[in-house]
Amino acid sequence: MLTIASLKIGQHAIIKDISIDVVPLKLLEMGCLPGNEVSLIHIAPLKDPLFIDINGCHMAIRKEMAKLIEVELIS
């Protein structure tokens, strides 16, 4: 299973599945929904948090949260 946490910087993916009962409502409101495109922009020096772009919205999420969001790579 590929997740946001396993992306490399610059990779683009489509969100396939998300644990709605675990992921905060704020992430869902900002577009972290199945079918939306996500890309990894930057990883903090201590490997947490991850900085991502979802449909033009830049946000930082914890690595533990990123492991709950399943994605599919865009080639």
N, C-alpha and C. Protein backbone atom coordinates (compact mmCIF):
# COMPACT_ATOMS: atom_id res chain seq x y z
N MET A 1 0.84 -1.19 0.00
CA MET A 1 0.00 0.00 0.00
C MET A 1 0.88 1.24 0.00
N LEU A 2 0.66 2.13 -0.95
CA LEU A 2 1.40 3.38 -1.07
C LEU A 2 0.62 4.49 -0.36
N THR A 3 1.30 5.24 0.48
CA THR A 3 0.65 6.33 1.22
C THR A 3 1.40 7.64 0.96
N ILE A 4 0.84 8.73 1.42
CA ILE A 4 1.51 10.03 1.28
C ILE A 4 2.87 9.99 1.97
N ALA A 5 2.96 9.29 3.08
CA ALA A 5 4.22 9.21 3.83
C ALA A 5 5.32 8.51 3.03
N SER A 6 4.96 7.69 2.06
CA SER A 6 5.97 6.96 1.29
C SER A 6 6.34 7.65 -0.03
N LEU A 7 5.72 8.81 -0.31
CA LEU A 7 6.08 9.56 -1.52
C LEU A 7 7.46 10.18 -1.38
N LYS A 8 8.10 10.38 -2.52
CA LYS A 8 9.37 11.10 -2.55
C LYS A 8 9.09 12.54 -2.98
N ILE A 9 9.97 13.46 -2.63
CA ILE A 9 9.77 14.87 -2.95
C ILE A 9 9.59 15.03 -4.46
N GLY A 10 8.54 15.74 -4.83
CA GLY A 10 8.25 16.00 -6.23
C GLY A 10 7.31 15.00 -6.88
N GLN A 11 7.03 13.88 -6.23
CA GLN A 11 6.12 12.90 -6.80
C GLN A 11 4.67 13.37 -6.67
N HIS A 12 3.89 13.03 -7.69
CA HIS A 12 2.47 13.37 -7.72
C HIS A 12 1.66 12.09 -7.63
N ALA A 13 0.53 12.16 -6.94
CA ALA A 13 -0.32 10.99 -6.77
C ALA A 13 -1.78 11.43 -6.65
N ILE A 14 -2.66 10.46 -6.79
CA ILE A 14 -4.09 10.68 -6.60
C ILE A 14 -4.49 9.96 -5.31
N ILE A 15 -5.26 10.64 -4.48
CA ILE A 15 -5.72 10.04 -3.24
C ILE A 15 -6.75 8.96 -3.58
N LYS A 16 -6.49 7.72 -3.15
CA LYS A 16 -7.39 6.60 -3.42
C LYS A 16 -8.35 6.35 -2.27
N ASP A 17 -7.82 6.32 -1.06
CA ASP A 17 -8.65 5.97 0.10
C ASP A 17 -8.15 6.74 1.31
N ILE A 18 -9.07 7.06 2.18
CA ILE A 18 -8.74 7.84 3.37
C ILE A 18 -9.59 7.33 4.53
N SER A 19 -9.01 7.25 5.71
CA SER A 19 -9.76 6.82 6.90
C SER A 19 -10.49 8.02 7.46
N ILE A 20 -11.72 8.23 7.01
CA ILE A 20 -12.48 9.42 7.37
C ILE A 20 -12.70 9.52 8.88
N ASP A 21 -12.82 8.39 9.56
CA ASP A 21 -13.06 8.43 11.00
C ASP A 21 -11.81 8.80 11.80
N VAL A 22 -10.62 8.74 11.18
CA VAL A 22 -9.37 9.04 11.87
C VAL A 22 -8.79 10.39 11.45
N VAL A 23 -8.96 10.76 10.20
CA VAL A 23 -8.38 11.99 9.66
C VAL A 23 -9.20 13.19 10.15
N PRO A 24 -8.53 14.25 10.61
CA PRO A 24 -9.25 15.43 11.11
C PRO A 24 -10.13 16.08 10.03
N LEU A 25 -11.24 16.63 10.44
CA LEU A 25 -12.18 17.30 9.55
C LEU A 25 -11.50 18.43 8.78
N LYS A 26 -10.56 19.12 9.40
CA LYS A 26 -9.86 20.24 8.76
C LYS A 26 -9.15 19.79 7.48
N LEU A 27 -8.52 18.61 7.49
CA LEU A 27 -7.86 18.10 6.29
C LEU A 27 -8.89 17.82 5.19
N LEU A 28 -10.02 17.26 5.56
CA LEU A 28 -11.07 16.98 4.59
C LEU A 28 -11.59 18.27 3.97
N GLU A 29 -11.77 19.30 4.80
CA GLU A 29 -12.25 20.59 4.32
C GLU A 29 -11.26 21.25 3.36
N MET A 30 -9.97 20.96 3.54
CA MET A 30 -8.95 21.58 2.69
C MET A 30 -8.70 20.77 1.42
N GLY A 31 -9.49 19.73 1.18
CA GLY A 31 -9.41 19.01 -0.08
C GLY A 31 -8.73 17.67 -0.03
N CYS A 32 -8.45 17.17 1.14
CA CYS A 32 -7.79 15.86 1.27
C CYS A 32 -8.86 14.77 1.15
N LEU A 33 -9.34 14.59 -0.09
CA LEU A 33 -10.43 13.66 -0.37
C LEU A 33 -10.05 12.73 -1.51
N PRO A 34 -10.64 11.55 -1.56
CA PRO A 34 -10.35 10.63 -2.67
C PRO A 34 -10.62 11.29 -4.03
N GLY A 35 -9.70 11.05 -4.97
CA GLY A 35 -9.81 11.62 -6.30
C GLY A 35 -9.01 12.88 -6.51
N ASN A 36 -8.59 13.54 -5.43
CA ASN A 36 -7.80 14.76 -5.55
C ASN A 36 -6.32 14.45 -5.71
N GLU A 37 -5.62 15.34 -6.40
CA GLU A 37 -4.19 15.16 -6.63
C GLU A 37 -3.40 15.72 -5.45
N VAL A 38 -2.34 15.02 -5.09
CA VAL A 38 -1.46 15.43 -4.00
C VAL A 38 -0.02 15.29 -4.46
N SER A 39 0.83 16.21 -4.00
CA SER A 39 2.26 16.08 -4.28
C SER A 39 3.05 16.45 -3.03
N LEU A 40 4.18 15.79 -2.85
CA LEU A 40 5.05 16.06 -1.71
C LEU A 40 6.00 17.18 -2.08
N ILE A 41 5.99 18.26 -1.31
CA ILE A 41 6.81 19.43 -1.59
C ILE A 41 8.12 19.39 -0.82
N HIS A 42 8.03 19.08 0.47
CA HIS A 42 9.21 19.18 1.34
C HIS A 42 9.02 18.28 2.56
N ILE A 43 10.13 17.82 3.10
CA ILE A 43 10.11 17.06 4.36
C ILE A 43 10.97 17.82 5.36
N ALA A 44 10.43 18.05 6.54
CA ALA A 44 11.16 18.78 7.58
C ALA A 44 12.45 18.03 7.94
N PRO A 45 13.44 18.74 8.47
CA PRO A 45 14.74 18.13 8.79
C PRO A 45 14.67 16.88 9.67
N LEU A 46 13.74 16.80 10.58
CA LEU A 46 13.62 15.63 11.45
C LEU A 46 12.60 14.63 10.92
N LYS A 47 12.27 14.74 9.62
CA LYS A 47 11.36 13.82 8.91
C LYS A 47 9.90 13.97 9.30
N ASP A 48 9.56 15.00 10.04
CA ASP A 48 8.18 15.23 10.44
C ASP A 48 8.02 16.71 10.78
N PRO A 49 7.09 17.45 10.24
CA PRO A 49 5.99 17.06 9.37
C PRO A 49 6.39 17.01 7.89
N LEU A 50 5.41 16.60 7.06
CA LEU A 50 5.57 16.58 5.61
C LEU A 50 4.78 17.76 5.05
N PHE A 51 5.35 18.44 4.08
CA PHE A 51 4.67 19.56 3.45
C PHE A 51 4.14 19.10 2.10
N ILE A 52 2.82 19.20 1.92
CA ILE A 52 2.18 18.68 0.71
C ILE A 52 1.36 19.76 0.02
N ASP A 53 1.04 19.49 -1.23
CA ASP A 53 0.18 20.36 -2.03
C ASP A 53 -1.01 19.52 -2.47
N ILE A 54 -2.20 19.94 -2.08
CA ILE A 54 -3.42 19.26 -2.51
C ILE A 54 -4.27 20.29 -3.24
N ASN A 55 -4.39 20.10 -4.55
CA ASN A 55 -5.19 21.01 -5.39
C ASN A 55 -4.80 22.48 -5.19
N GLY A 56 -3.52 22.76 -5.09
CA GLY A 56 -3.04 24.14 -4.95
C GLY A 56 -3.03 24.65 -3.52
N CYS A 57 -3.46 23.87 -2.58
CA CYS A 57 -3.48 24.25 -1.17
C CYS A 57 -2.27 23.61 -0.48
N HIS A 58 -1.37 24.41 0.04
CA HIS A 58 -0.17 23.89 0.71
C HIS A 58 -0.47 23.70 2.19
N MET A 59 -0.07 22.55 2.70
CA MET A 59 -0.30 22.28 4.13
C MET A 59 0.78 21.36 4.68
N ALA A 60 0.92 21.35 5.97
CA ALA A 60 1.85 20.46 6.66
C ALA A 60 1.03 19.44 7.44
N ILE A 61 1.41 18.16 7.30
CA ILE A 61 0.73 17.13 8.07
C ILE A 61 1.77 16.22 8.73
N ARG A 62 1.39 15.67 9.84
CA ARG A 62 2.27 14.75 10.56
C ARG A 62 2.44 13.46 9.77
N LYS A 63 3.59 12.84 9.91
CA LYS A 63 3.88 11.61 9.19
C LYS A 63 2.89 10.50 9.56
N GLU A 64 2.51 10.42 10.82
CA GLU A 64 1.55 9.40 11.26
C GLU A 64 0.21 9.57 10.55
N MET A 65 -0.20 10.82 10.33
CA MET A 65 -1.46 11.08 9.61
C MET A 65 -1.29 10.74 8.14
N ALA A 66 -0.13 11.06 7.56
CA ALA A 66 0.14 10.78 6.14
C ALA A 66 0.13 9.28 5.85
N LYS A 67 0.45 8.46 6.85
CA LYS A 67 0.44 7.01 6.67
C LYS A 67 -0.97 6.45 6.55
N LEU A 68 -1.98 7.24 6.89
CA LEU A 68 -3.37 6.78 6.84
C LEU A 68 -4.06 7.13 5.52
N ILE A 69 -3.34 7.86 4.63
CA ILE A 69 -3.94 8.31 3.38
C ILE A 69 -3.31 7.54 2.22
N GLU A 70 -4.08 6.63 1.65
CA GLU A 70 -3.60 5.78 0.55
C GLU A 70 -3.67 6.54 -0.77
N VAL A 71 -2.59 6.42 -1.57
CA VAL A 71 -2.53 7.12 -2.85
C VAL A 71 -2.09 6.18 -3.97
N GLU A 72 -2.26 6.66 -5.20
CA GLU A 72 -1.80 5.95 -6.40
C GLU A 72 -0.94 6.92 -7.20
N LEU A 73 0.28 6.53 -7.54
CA LEU A 73 1.20 7.40 -8.26
C LEU A 73 0.68 7.77 -9.64
N ILE A 74 0.98 9.00 -10.04
CA ILE A 74 0.71 9.47 -11.40
C ILE A 74 2.03 9.41 -12.14
N SER A 75 2.03 8.73 -13.29
CA SER A 75 3.29 8.60 -14.03
C SER A 75 3.55 9.77 -14.94
